[in-house]
Protein backbone atom coordinates (compact mmCIF):
# COMPACT_ATOMS: atom_id res chain seq x y z
CA UNK A 1 117.55 37.56 -5.13
CA UNK A 2 119.33 34.77 -3.18
CA UNK A 3 117.36 32.02 -1.70
CA UNK A 4 118.33 29.44 0.61
CA UNK A 5 118.65 25.96 -0.12
CA UNK A 6 117.61 23.39 2.11
CA UNK A 7 120.02 20.78 3.19
CA UNK A 8 118.69 17.19 2.40
CA UNK A 9 118.19 15.09 5.32
CA UNK A 10 120.38 12.14 5.11
CA UNK A 11 119.13 10.50 8.30
CA UNK A 12 121.25 9.20 11.00
CA UNK A 13 125.00 8.42 10.07
CA UNK A 14 125.89 4.84 9.89
CA UNK A 15 129.23 3.45 11.20
CA UNK A 16 131.20 0.31 10.44
CA UNK A 17 131.37 -1.88 13.55
CA UNK A 18 133.80 -5.06 14.11
CA UNK A 19 132.12 -7.56 16.32
CA UNK A 20 133.08 -10.78 18.18
CA UNK A 21 130.52 -13.42 19.65
CA UNK A 22 129.38 -16.94 19.98
CA UNK A 23 126.71 -18.73 17.97
CA UNK A 24 124.07 -20.88 19.48
CA UNK A 25 126.24 -23.86 19.07
CA UNK A 26 129.02 -21.97 21.19
CA UNK A 27 131.32 -21.43 18.11
CA UNK A 28 133.28 -18.37 18.01
CA UNK A 29 132.16 -16.06 15.40
CA UNK A 30 133.25 -12.60 14.28
CA UNK A 31 132.46 -9.95 11.39
CA UNK A 32 131.50 -6.53 10.78
CA UNK A 33 128.15 -4.76 10.45
CA UNK A 34 127.01 -1.15 9.17
CA UNK A 35 124.73 0.30 11.68
CA UNK A 36 123.72 3.67 13.32
CA UNK A 37 125.05 2.68 16.76
CA UNK A 38 126.38 -0.19 18.88
CA UNK A 39 122.93 -1.07 20.40
CA UNK A 40 121.57 -1.60 16.82
CA UNK A 41 124.54 -4.06 16.18
CA UNK A 42 123.67 -5.93 19.45
CA UNK A 43 120.00 -6.20 18.69
CA UNK A 44 120.70 -7.45 15.07
CA UNK A 45 123.14 -10.00 16.09
CA UNK A 46 120.75 -11.07 19.04
CA UNK A 47 118.25 -11.65 16.38
CA UNK A 48 120.49 -13.86 14.25
CA UNK A 49 121.27 -15.98 17.32
CA UNK A 50 124.77 -14.51 18.08
CA UNK A 51 125.62 -13.73 21.53
CA UNK A 52 128.01 -10.63 21.44
CA UNK A 53 131.27 -10.59 23.38
CA UNK A 54 133.01 -7.54 21.91
CA UNK A 55 132.01 -4.76 19.81
CA UNK A 56 134.33 -1.71 18.59
CA UNK A 57 134.05 0.88 15.92
CA UNK A 58 136.08 0.31 12.90
CA UNK A 59 138.51 2.96 12.06
CA UNK A 60 137.93 4.97 9.10
CA UNK A 61 140.78 5.17 6.69
CA UNK A 62 142.33 8.75 6.69
CA UNK A 63 144.72 10.20 4.35
CA UNK A 64 147.47 7.65 5.60
CA UNK A 65 145.41 4.76 4.56
CA UNK A 66 144.78 6.24 1.03
CA UNK A 67 148.47 6.63 0.02
CA UNK A 68 149.32 6.53 -3.42
CA UNK A 69 150.47 3.33 -4.95
CA UNK A 70 154.28 2.92 -5.33
CA UNK A 71 156.45 0.45 -7.04
CA UNK A 72 159.07 -1.36 -5.13
CA UNK A 73 161.72 1.44 -6.31
CA UNK A 74 159.40 3.85 -4.41
CA UNK A 75 158.22 5.64 -7.68
CA UNK A 76 154.82 6.93 -7.97
CA UNK A 77 152.67 4.64 -10.23
CA UNK A 78 149.12 6.25 -9.83
CA UNK A 79 149.09 6.97 -13.46
CA UNK A 80 149.43 3.29 -14.21
CA UNK A 81 146.68 2.34 -11.98
CA UNK A 82 144.42 5.24 -13.28
CA UNK A 83 144.95 3.74 -16.94
CA UNK A 84 144.25 0.27 -15.67
CA UNK A 85 147.87 -0.89 -16.31
CA UNK A 86 148.37 -2.10 -12.59
CA UNK A 87 145.71 -3.18 -9.93
CA UNK A 88 145.70 -1.82 -6.59
């Protein structure tokens, strides 16, 4: 007999955000923060004394961002990376 398997509740999805702002001294600061939403980023930084001026979602690396490593002649060297011969 088949039984249904309940999916695990993973909670809200966290996203990487890049932010820019000014600290209490007026110095420009920037960074990135993993949070569930833009308002969470604002609240977290406000508690740290940062006045946020810009927030944007960090783009996730798709298939193009994970290209296989190649040497200067254009040959695939992923096998060497896997064996620890080259660093990525």
